[in-house]
Amino acid sequence: MNKDQAEAIAISALGWIAASDEMTGIFLGATGASLGDIRAQIKDPAFQGSVLDFLMMDDAWVREFCDSSGFDYMDPQRARQMLPGGDLPNWT
């Protein structure tokens, strides 16, 4: 996994989220982002990392995203590690 692949997975995840009104609402509510914020920050690797953080909050979301996109179930986690803040330990 390299940075370009990680960014592509994060952008795919955001597209998957945006394709569902329900997921979009959950994402906007959880992050406090607006649609304008998303458009403005989509190319920001730190924002992309937050998209993957959100996706990985629920194993079912990860499975649904990966099944619909053809990614391995571990790819979102691998991608997250390549983006800013992804190398920090998670103590929970």
PDB file of N, CA and C in Angstrom:
ATOM      1  N   MET A   1       0.856  -1.176   0.000  1.00  0.00           N
ATOM      2  CA  MET A   1       0.000   0.000   0.000  1.00  0.00           C
ATOM      3  C   MET A   1       0.897   1.232   0.000  1.00  0.00           C
ATOM      4  N   ASN A   2       0.648   2.138  -0.927  1.00  0.00           N
ATOM      5  CA  ASN A   2       1.376   3.398  -0.932  1.00  0.00           C
ATOM      6  C   ASN A   2       0.388   4.547  -0.725  1.00  0.00           C
ATOM      7  N   LYS A   3       0.916   5.750  -0.637  1.00  0.00           N
ATOM      8  CA  LYS A   3       0.077   6.917  -0.330  1.00  0.00           C
ATOM      9  C   LYS A   3      -0.989   7.136  -1.396  1.00  0.00           C
ATOM     10  N   ASP A   4      -0.637   6.985  -2.663  1.00  0.00           N
ATOM     11  CA  ASP A   4      -1.612   7.183  -3.738  1.00  0.00           C
ATOM     12  C   ASP A   4      -2.747   6.163  -3.650  1.00  0.00           C
ATOM     13  N   GLN A   5      -2.405   4.908  -3.376  1.00  0.00           N
ATOM     14  CA  GLN A   5      -3.432   3.880  -3.220  1.00  0.00           C
ATOM     15  C   GLN A   5      -4.320   4.181  -2.015  1.00  0.00           C
ATOM     16  N   ALA A   6      -3.703   4.629  -0.932  1.00  0.00           N
ATOM     17  CA  ALA A   6      -4.459   4.964   0.275  1.00  0.00           C
ATOM     18  C   ALA A   6      -5.441   6.094   0.003  1.00  0.00           C
ATOM     19  N   GLU A   7      -4.977   7.111  -0.705  1.00  0.00           N
ATOM     20  CA  GLU A   7      -5.861   8.230  -1.028  1.00  0.00           C
ATOM     21  C   GLU A   7      -7.011   7.776  -1.922  1.00  0.00           C
ATOM     22  N   ALA A   8      -6.725   6.882  -2.867  1.00  0.00           N
ATOM     23  CA  ALA A   8      -7.766   6.373  -3.758  1.00  0.00           C
ATOM     24  C   ALA A   8      -8.820   5.587  -2.983  1.00  0.00           C
ATOM     25  N   ILE A   9      -8.394   4.800  -2.004  1.00  0.00           N
ATOM     26  CA  ILE A   9      -9.343   4.043  -1.181  1.00  0.00           C
ATOM     27  C   ILE A   9     -10.199   5.003  -0.356  1.00  0.00           C
ATOM     28  N   ALA A  10      -9.579   6.021   0.215  1.00  0.00           N
ATOM     29  CA  ALA A  10     -10.336   6.992   1.013  1.00  0.00           C
ATOM     30  C   ALA A  10     -11.364   7.727   0.153  1.00  0.00           C
ATOM     31  N   ILE A  11     -10.986   8.111  -1.047  1.00  0.00           N
ATOM     32  CA  ILE A  11     -11.917   8.799  -1.945  1.00  0.00           C
ATOM     33  C   ILE A  11     -13.040   7.847  -2.356  1.00  0.00           C
ATOM     34  N   SER A  12     -12.707   6.584  -2.580  1.00  0.00           N
ATOM     35  CA  SER A  12     -13.735   5.585  -2.879  1.00  0.00           C
ATOM     36  C   SER A  12     -14.693   5.423  -1.703  1.00  0.00           C
ATOM     37  N   ALA A  13     -14.144   5.421  -0.493  1.00  0.00           N
ATOM     38  CA  ALA A  13     -14.979   5.303   0.694  1.00  0.00           C
ATOM     39  C   ALA A  13     -15.922   6.493   0.806  1.00  0.00           C
ATOM     40  N   LEU A  14     -15.412   7.678   0.520  1.00  0.00           N
ATOM     41  CA  LEU A  14     -16.276   8.857   0.568  1.00  0.00           C
ATOM     42  C   LEU A  14     -17.370   8.763  -0.490  1.00  0.00           C
ATOM     43  N   GLY A  15     -17.035   8.263  -1.661  1.00  0.00           N
ATOM     44  CA  GLY A  15     -18.042   8.061  -2.695  1.00  0.00           C
ATOM     45  C   GLY A  15     -19.101   7.070  -2.261  1.00  0.00           C
ATOM     46  N   TRP A  16     -18.684   6.010  -1.586  1.00  0.00           N
ATOM     47  CA  TRP A  16     -19.623   5.007  -1.075  1.00  0.00           C
ATOM     48  C   TRP A  16     -20.541   5.635  -0.030  1.00  0.00           C
ATOM     49  N   ILE A  17     -19.970   6.440   0.846  1.00  0.00           N
ATOM     50  CA  ILE A  17     -20.768   7.129   1.864  1.00  0.00           C
ATOM     51  C   ILE A  17     -21.765   8.068   1.194  1.00  0.00           C
ATOM     52  N   ALA A  18     -21.289   8.836   0.213  1.00  0.00           N
ATOM     53  CA  ALA A  18     -22.137   9.826  -0.458  1.00  0.00           C
ATOM     54  C   ALA A  18     -23.256   9.189  -1.277  1.00  0.00           C
ATOM     55  N   ALA A  19     -23.085   7.947  -1.681  1.00  0.00           N
ATOM     56  CA  ALA A  19     -24.105   7.265  -2.483  1.00  0.00           C
ATOM     57  C   ALA A  19     -25.335   6.882  -1.669  1.00  0.00           C
ATOM     58  N   SER A  20     -25.232   6.956  -0.368  1.00  0.00           N
ATOM     59  CA  SER A  20     -26.337   6.602   0.521  1.00  0.00           C
ATOM     60  C   SER A  20     -26.754   7.823   1.331  1.00  0.00           C
ATOM     61  N   ASP A  21     -28.010   8.219   1.193  1.00  0.00           N
ATOM     62  CA  ASP A  21     -28.498   9.361   1.979  1.00  0.00           C
ATOM     63  C   ASP A  21     -28.342   9.105   3.473  1.00  0.00           C
ATOM     64  N   GLU A  22     -28.612   7.862   3.886  1.00  0.00           N
ATOM     65  CA  GLU A  22     -28.494   7.527   5.304  1.00  0.00           C
ATOM     66  C   GLU A  22     -27.053   7.671   5.787  1.00  0.00           C
ATOM     67  N   MET A  23     -26.094   7.095   5.024  1.00  0.00           N
ATOM     68  CA  MET A  23     -24.688   7.175   5.420  1.00  0.00           C
ATOM     69  C   MET A  23     -24.185   8.613   5.363  1.00  0.00           C
ATOM     70  N   THR A  24     -24.625   9.369   4.373  1.00  0.00           N
ATOM     71  CA  THR A  24     -24.217  10.771   4.278  1.00  0.00           C
ATOM     72  C   THR A  24     -24.668  11.526   5.517  1.00  0.00           C
ATOM     73  N   GLY A  25     -25.904  11.307   5.933  1.00  0.00           N
ATOM     74  CA  GLY A  25     -26.417  11.971   7.131  1.00  0.00           C
ATOM     75  C   GLY A  25     -25.645  11.587   8.379  1.00  0.00           C
ATOM     76  N   ILE A  26     -25.321  10.310   8.499  1.00  0.00           N
ATOM     77  CA  ILE A  26     -24.550   9.851   9.660  1.00  0.00           C
ATOM     78  C   ILE A  26     -23.162  10.489   9.638  1.00  0.00           C
ATOM     79  N   PHE A  27     -22.531  10.503   8.457  1.00  0.00           N
ATOM     80  CA  PHE A  27     -21.193  11.078   8.330  1.00  0.00           C
ATOM     81  C   PHE A  27     -21.202  12.564   8.673  1.00  0.00           C
ATOM     82  N   LEU A  28     -22.140  13.303   8.113  1.00  0.00           N
ATOM     83  CA  LEU A  28     -22.202  14.742   8.383  1.00  0.00           C
ATOM     84  C   LEU A  28     -22.465  15.000   9.863  1.00  0.00           C
ATOM     85  N   GLY A  29     -23.348  14.212  10.455  1.00  0.00           N
ATOM     86  CA  GLY A  29     -23.647  14.377  11.883  1.00  0.00           C
ATOM     87  C   GLY A  29     -22.465  14.034  12.767  1.00  0.00           C
ATOM     88  N   ALA A  30     -21.749  12.977  12.414  1.00  0.00           N
ATOM     89  CA  ALA A  30     -20.630  12.533  13.251  1.00  0.00           C
ATOM     90  C   ALA A  30     -19.422  13.454  13.127  1.00  0.00           C
ATOM     91  N   THR A  31     -19.219  14.011  11.943  1.00  0.00           N
ATOM     92  CA  THR A  31     -18.014  14.811  11.717  1.00  0.00           C
ATOM     93  C   THR A  31     -18.245  16.307  11.878  1.00  0.00           C
ATOM     94  N   GLY A  32     -19.495  16.729  11.773  1.00  0.00           N
ATOM     95  CA  GLY A  32     -19.790  18.157  11.817  1.00  0.00           C
ATOM     96  C   GLY A  32     -19.446  18.851  10.508  1.00  0.00           C
ATOM     97  N   ALA A  33     -19.073  18.081   9.509  1.00  0.00           N
ATOM     98  CA  ALA A  33     -18.726  18.639   8.200  1.00  0.00           C
ATOM     99  C   ALA A  33     -19.995  18.982   7.427  1.00  0.00           C
ATOM    100  N   SER A  34     -19.869  19.926   6.527  1.00  0.00           N
ATOM    101  CA  SER A  34     -20.946  20.247   5.601  1.00  0.00           C
ATOM    102  C   SER A  34     -20.569  19.692   4.233  1.00  0.00           C
ATOM    103  N   LEU A  35     -21.513  19.686   3.314  1.00  0.00           N
ATOM    104  CA  LEU A  35     -21.189  19.238   1.962  1.00  0.00           C
ATOM    105  C   LEU A  35     -20.104  20.117   1.344  1.00  0.00           C
ATOM    106  N   GLY A  36     -20.143  21.414   1.651  1.00  0.00           N
ATOM    107  CA  GLY A  36     -19.101  22.326   1.164  1.00  0.00           C
ATOM    108  C   GLY A  36     -17.740  21.984   1.730  1.00  0.00           C
ATOM    109  N   ASP A  37     -17.709  21.620   3.016  1.00  0.00           N
ATOM    110  CA  ASP A  37     -16.446  21.204   3.643  1.00  0.00           C
ATOM    111  C   ASP A  37     -15.869  19.980   2.936  1.00  0.00           C
ATOM    112  N   ILE A  38     -16.746  19.041   2.623  1.00  0.00           N
ATOM    113  CA  ILE A  38     -16.292  17.815   1.962  1.00  0.00           C
ATOM    114  C   ILE A  38     -15.687  18.143   0.605  1.00  0.00           C
ATOM    115  N   ARG A  39     -16.389  18.952  -0.170  1.00  0.00           N
ATOM    116  CA  ARG A  39     -15.872  19.334  -1.494  1.00  0.00           C
ATOM    117  C   ARG A  39     -14.528  20.051  -1.380  1.00  0.00           C
ATOM    118  N   ALA A  40     -14.394  20.892  -0.378  1.00  0.00           N
ATOM    119  CA  ALA A  40     -13.168  21.687  -0.217  1.00  0.00           C
ATOM    120  C   ALA A  40     -11.991  20.852   0.288  1.00  0.00           C
ATOM    121  N   GLN A  41     -12.282  19.776   1.017  1.00  0.00           N
ATOM    122  CA  GLN A  41     -11.208  19.030   1.674  1.00  0.00           C
ATOM    123  C   GLN A  41     -10.928  17.655   1.088  1.00  0.00           C
ATOM    124  N   ILE A  42     -11.643  17.249   0.054  1.00  0.00           N
ATOM    125  CA  ILE A  42     -11.506  15.885  -0.449  1.00  0.00           C
ATOM    126  C   ILE A  42     -10.075  15.528  -0.844  1.00  0.00           C
ATOM    127  N   LYS A  43      -9.286  16.480  -1.262  1.00  0.00           N
ATOM    128  CA  LYS A  43      -7.902  16.189  -1.671  1.00  0.00           C
ATOM    129  C   LYS A  43      -6.911  16.287  -0.514  1.00  0.00           C
ATOM    130  N   ASP A  44      -7.397  16.630   0.675  1.00  0.00           N
ATOM    131  CA  ASP A  44      -6.541  16.758   1.853  1.00  0.00           C
ATOM    132  C   ASP A  44      -6.344  15.375   2.483  1.00  0.00           C
ATOM    133  N   PRO A  45      -5.114  14.863   2.509  1.00  0.00           N
ATOM    134  CA  PRO A  45      -4.881  13.538   3.084  1.00  0.00           C
ATOM    135  C   PRO A  45      -5.352  13.402   4.537  1.00  0.00           C
ATOM    136  N   ALA A  46      -5.289  14.460   5.320  1.00  0.00           N
ATOM    137  CA  ALA A  46      -5.772  14.379   6.705  1.00  0.00           C
ATOM    138  C   ALA A  46      -7.292  14.170   6.725  1.00  0.00           C
ATOM    139  N   PHE A  47      -8.011  14.857   5.845  1.00  0.00           N
ATOM    140  CA  PHE A  47      -9.459  14.659   5.746  1.00  0.00           C
ATOM    141  C   PHE A  47      -9.768  13.244   5.263  1.00  0.00           C
ATOM    142  N   GLN A  48      -8.995  12.775   4.298  1.00  0.00           N
ATOM    143  CA  GLN A  48      -9.191  11.419   3.805  1.00  0.00           C
ATOM    144  C   GLN A  48      -9.007  10.402   4.931  1.00  0.00           C
ATOM    145  N   GLY A  49      -8.044  10.664   5.798  1.00  0.00           N
ATOM    146  CA  GLY A  49      -7.856   9.794   6.959  1.00  0.00           C
ATOM    147  C   GLY A  49      -9.072   9.796   7.860  1.00  0.00           C
ATOM    148  N   SER A  50      -9.695  10.963   8.019  1.00  0.00           N
ATOM    149  CA  SER A  50     -10.889  11.032   8.868  1.00  0.00           C
ATOM    150  C   SER A  50     -12.052  10.276   8.242  1.00  0.00           C
ATOM    151  N   VAL A  51     -12.105  10.240   6.915  1.00  0.00           N
ATOM    152  CA  VAL A  51     -13.140   9.451   6.234  1.00  0.00           C
ATOM    153  C   VAL A  51     -12.957   7.975   6.575  1.00  0.00           C
ATOM    154  N   LEU A  52     -11.721   7.507   6.516  1.00  0.00           N
ATOM    155  CA  LEU A  52     -11.459   6.107   6.849  1.00  0.00           C
ATOM    156  C   LEU A  52     -11.694   5.831   8.325  1.00  0.00           C
ATOM    157  N   ASP A  53     -11.348   6.777   9.194  1.00  0.00           N
ATOM    158  CA  ASP A  53     -11.651   6.609  10.622  1.00  0.00           C
ATOM    159  C   ASP A  53     -13.151   6.410  10.817  1.00  0.00           C
ATOM    160  N   PHE A  54     -13.940   7.236  10.140  1.00  0.00           N
ATOM    161  CA  PHE A  54     -15.393   7.117  10.233  1.00  0.00           C
ATOM    162  C   PHE A  54     -15.857   5.756   9.730  1.00  0.00           C
ATOM    163  N   LEU A  55     -15.403   5.361   8.559  1.00  0.00           N
ATOM    164  CA  LEU A  55     -15.817   4.086   7.980  1.00  0.00           C
ATOM    165  C   LEU A  55     -15.518   2.928   8.922  1.00  0.00           C
ATOM    166  N   MET A  56     -14.352   2.971   9.552  1.00  0.00           N
ATOM    167  CA  MET A  56     -13.922   1.853  10.398  1.00  0.00           C
ATOM    168  C   MET A  56     -14.581   1.842  11.771  1.00  0.00           C
ATOM    169  N   MET A  57     -15.484   2.784  12.012  1.00  0.00           N
ATOM    170  CA  MET A  57     -16.226   2.766  13.279  1.00  0.00           C
ATOM    171  C   MET A  57     -17.183   1.579  13.347  1.00  0.00           C
ATOM    172  N   ASP A  58     -17.521   0.997  12.200  1.00  0.00           N
ATOM    173  CA  ASP A  58     -18.503  -0.088  12.182  1.00  0.00           C
ATOM    174  C   ASP A  58     -18.027  -1.168  11.209  1.00  0.00           C
ATOM    175  N   ASP A  59     -17.831  -2.369  11.723  1.00  0.00           N
ATOM    176  CA  ASP A  59     -17.362  -3.464  10.878  1.00  0.00           C
ATOM    177  C   ASP A  59     -18.312  -3.733   9.709  1.00  0.00           C
ATOM    178  N   ALA A  60     -19.606  -3.563   9.933  1.00  0.00           N
ATOM    179  CA  ALA A  60     -20.574  -3.786   8.859  1.00  0.00           C
ATOM    180  C   ALA A  60     -20.367  -2.796   7.720  1.00  0.00           C
ATOM    181  N   TRP A  61     -20.038  -1.550   8.065  1.00  0.00           N
ATOM    182  CA  TRP A  61     -19.767  -0.554   7.031  1.00  0.00           C
ATOM    183  C   TRP A  61     -18.538  -0.950   6.217  1.00  0.00           C
ATOM    184  N   VAL A  62     -17.508  -1.409   6.906  1.00  0.00           N
ATOM    185  CA  VAL A  62     -16.278  -1.821   6.216  1.00  0.00           C
ATOM    186  C   VAL A  62     -16.601  -2.968   5.256  1.00  0.00           C
ATOM    187  N   ARG A  63     -17.341  -3.952   5.731  1.00  0.00           N
ATOM    188  CA  ARG A  63     -17.685  -5.092   4.878  1.00  0.00           C
ATOM    189  C   ARG A  63     -18.503  -4.644   3.672  1.00  0.00           C
ATOM    190  N   GLU A  64     -19.508  -3.814   3.906  1.00  0.00           N
ATOM    191  CA  GLU A  64     -20.357  -3.350   2.806  1.00  0.00           C
ATOM    192  C   GLU A  64     -19.548  -2.544   1.789  1.00  0.00           C
ATOM    193  N   PHE A  65     -18.707  -1.641   2.280  1.00  0.00           N
ATOM    194  CA  PHE A  65     -17.872  -0.846   1.381  1.00  0.00           C
ATOM    195  C   PHE A  65     -16.947  -1.745   0.568  1.00  0.00           C
ATOM    196  N   CYS A  66     -16.242  -2.632   1.235  1.00  0.00           N
ATOM    197  CA  CYS A  66     -15.280  -3.496   0.546  1.00  0.00           C
ATOM    198  C   CYS A  66     -15.984  -4.439  -0.433  1.00  0.00           C
ATOM    199  N   ASP A  67     -17.111  -4.998  -0.034  1.00  0.00           N
ATOM    200  CA  ASP A  67     -17.846  -5.889  -0.925  1.00  0.00           C
ATOM    201  C   ASP A  67     -18.312  -5.153  -2.181  1.00  0.00           C
ATOM    202  N   SER A  68     -18.751  -3.915  -2.007  1.00  0.00           N
ATOM    203  CA  SER A  68     -19.258  -3.166  -3.159  1.00  0.00           C
ATOM    204  C   SER A  68     -18.137  -2.597  -4.031  1.00  0.00           C
ATOM    205  N   SER A  69     -16.941  -2.451  -3.455  1.00  0.00           N
ATOM    206  CA  SER A  69     -15.830  -1.820  -4.171  1.00  0.00           C
ATOM    207  C   SER A  69     -14.743  -2.788  -4.612  1.00  0.00           C
ATOM    208  N   GLY A  70     -14.816  -4.015  -4.137  1.00  0.00           N
ATOM    209  CA  GLY A  70     -13.816  -5.005  -4.512  1.00  0.00           C
ATOM    210  C   GLY A  70     -12.522  -4.942  -3.721  1.00  0.00           C
ATOM    211  N   PHE A  71     -12.550  -4.253  -2.595  1.00  0.00           N
ATOM    212  CA  PHE A  71     -11.357  -4.170  -1.750  1.00  0.00           C
ATOM    213  C   PHE A  71     -11.347  -5.299  -0.737  1.00  0.00           C
ATOM    214  N   ASP A  72     -10.155  -5.653  -0.296  1.00  0.00           N
ATOM    215  CA  ASP A  72      -9.983  -6.584   0.814  1.00  0.00           C
ATOM    216  C   ASP A  72     -10.466  -5.889   2.086  1.00  0.00           C
ATOM    217  N   TYR A  73     -11.000  -6.660   3.014  1.00  0.00           N
ATOM    218  CA  TYR A  73     -11.520  -6.076   4.260  1.00  0.00           C
ATOM    219  C   TYR A  73     -10.455  -5.319   5.051  1.00  0.00           C
ATOM    220  N   MET A  74      -9.207  -5.644   4.873  1.00  0.00           N
ATOM    221  CA  MET A  74      -8.125  -4.963   5.597  1.00  0.00           C
ATOM    222  C   MET A  74      -7.630  -3.714   4.871  1.00  0.00           C
ATOM    223  N   ASP A  75      -8.037  -3.499   3.634  1.00  0.00           N
ATOM    224  CA  ASP A  75      -7.527  -2.359   2.870  1.00  0.00           C
ATOM    225  C   ASP A  75      -7.826  -1.000   3.509  1.00  0.00           C
ATOM    226  N   PRO A  76      -9.025  -0.767   4.057  1.00  0.00           N
ATOM    227  CA  PRO A  76      -9.237   0.538   4.708  1.00  0.00           C
ATOM    228  C   PRO A  76      -8.253   0.782   5.858  1.00  0.00           C
ATOM    229  N   GLN A  77      -7.970  -0.249   6.639  1.00  0.00           N
ATOM    230  CA  GLN A  77      -7.013  -0.092   7.742  1.00  0.00           C
ATOM    231  C   GLN A  77      -5.605   0.141   7.201  1.00  0.00           C
ATOM    232  N   ARG A  78      -5.228  -0.596   6.193  1.00  0.00           N
ATOM    233  CA  ARG A  78      -3.903  -0.405   5.592  1.00  0.00           C
ATOM    234  C   ARG A  78      -3.782   1.010   5.012  1.00  0.00           C
ATOM    235  N   ALA A  79      -4.850   1.453   4.360  1.00  0.00           N
ATOM    236  CA  ALA A  79      -4.852   2.799   3.782  1.00  0.00           C
ATOM    237  C   ALA A  79      -4.751   3.841   4.885  1.00  0.00           C
ATOM    238  N   ARG A  80      -5.466   3.630   5.966  1.00  0.00           N
ATOM    239  CA  ARG A  80      -5.456   4.604   7.066  1.00  0.00           C
ATOM    240  C   ARG A  80      -4.055   4.777   7.621  1.00  0.00           C
ATOM    241  N   GLN A  81      -3.297   3.716   7.676  1.00  0.00           N
ATOM    242  CA  GLN A  81      -1.932   3.779   8.207  1.00  0.00           C
ATOM    243  C   GLN A  81      -1.009   4.619   7.326  1.00  0.00           C
ATOM    244  N   MET A  82      -1.364   4.792   6.071  1.00  0.00           N
ATOM    245  CA  MET A  82      -0.533   5.553   5.139  1.00  0.00           C
ATOM    246  C   MET A  82      -0.856   7.048   5.129  1.00  0.00           C
ATOM    247  N   LEU A  83      -1.965   7.427   5.742  1.00  0.00           N
ATOM    248  CA  LEU A  83      -2.395   8.823   5.737  1.00  0.00           C
ATOM    249  C   LEU A  83      -2.027   9.497   7.052  1.00  0.00           C
ATOM    250  N   PRO A  84      -1.982  10.828   7.088  1.00  0.00           N
ATOM    251  CA  PRO A  84      -1.589  11.545   8.308  1.00  0.00           C
ATOM    252  C   PRO A  84      -2.372  11.085   9.543  1.00  0.00           C
ATOM    253  N   GLY A  85      -1.635  10.785  10.593  1.00  0.00           N
ATOM    254  CA  GLY A  85      -2.231  10.344  11.854  1.00  0.00           C
ATOM    255  C   GLY A  85      -2.475   8.851  11.931  1.00  0.00           C
ATOM    256  N   GLY A  86      -2.314   8.158  10.830  1.00  0.00           N
ATOM    257  CA  GLY A  86      -2.578   6.721  10.807  1.00  0.00           C
ATOM    258  C   GLY A  86      -1.521   5.878  11.474  1.00  0.00           C
ATOM    259  N   ASP A  87      -0.365   6.491  11.716  1.00  0.00           N
ATOM    260  CA  ASP A  87       0.723   5.747  12.355  1.00  0.00           C
ATOM    261  C   ASP A  87       0.671   5.870  13.871  1.00  0.00           C
ATOM    262  N   LEU A  88      -0.316   6.595  14.374  1.00  0.00           N
ATOM    263  CA  LEU A  88      -0.434   6.746  15.826  1.00  0.00           C
ATOM    264  C   LEU A  88      -1.073   5.519  16.429  1.00  0.00           C
ATOM    265  N   PRO A  89      -0.617   5.086  17.596  1.00  0.00           N
ATOM    266  CA  PRO A  89      -1.220   3.893  18.212  1.00  0.00           C
ATOM    267  C   PRO A  89      -2.646   4.178  18.671  1.00  0.00           C
ATOM    268  N   ASN A  90      -3.469   3.189  18.576  1.00  0.00           N
ATOM    269  CA  ASN A  90      -4.848   3.255  19.059  1.00  0.00           C
ATOM    270  C   ASN A  90      -4.928   2.430  20.346  1.00  0.00           C
ATOM    271  N   TRP A  91      -5.142   3.074  21.451  1.00  0.00           N
ATOM    272  CA  TRP A  91      -5.097   2.409  22.755  1.00  0.00           C
ATOM    273  C   TRP A  91      -6.447   1.875  23.195  1.00  0.00           C
ATOM    274  N   THR A  92      -7.464   2.008  22.363  1.00  0.00           N
ATOM    275  CA  THR A  92      -8.792   1.511  22.770  1.00  0.00           C
ATOM    276  C   THR A  92      -9.080   0.161  22.211  1.00  0.00           C
TER     277      THR A  92
END
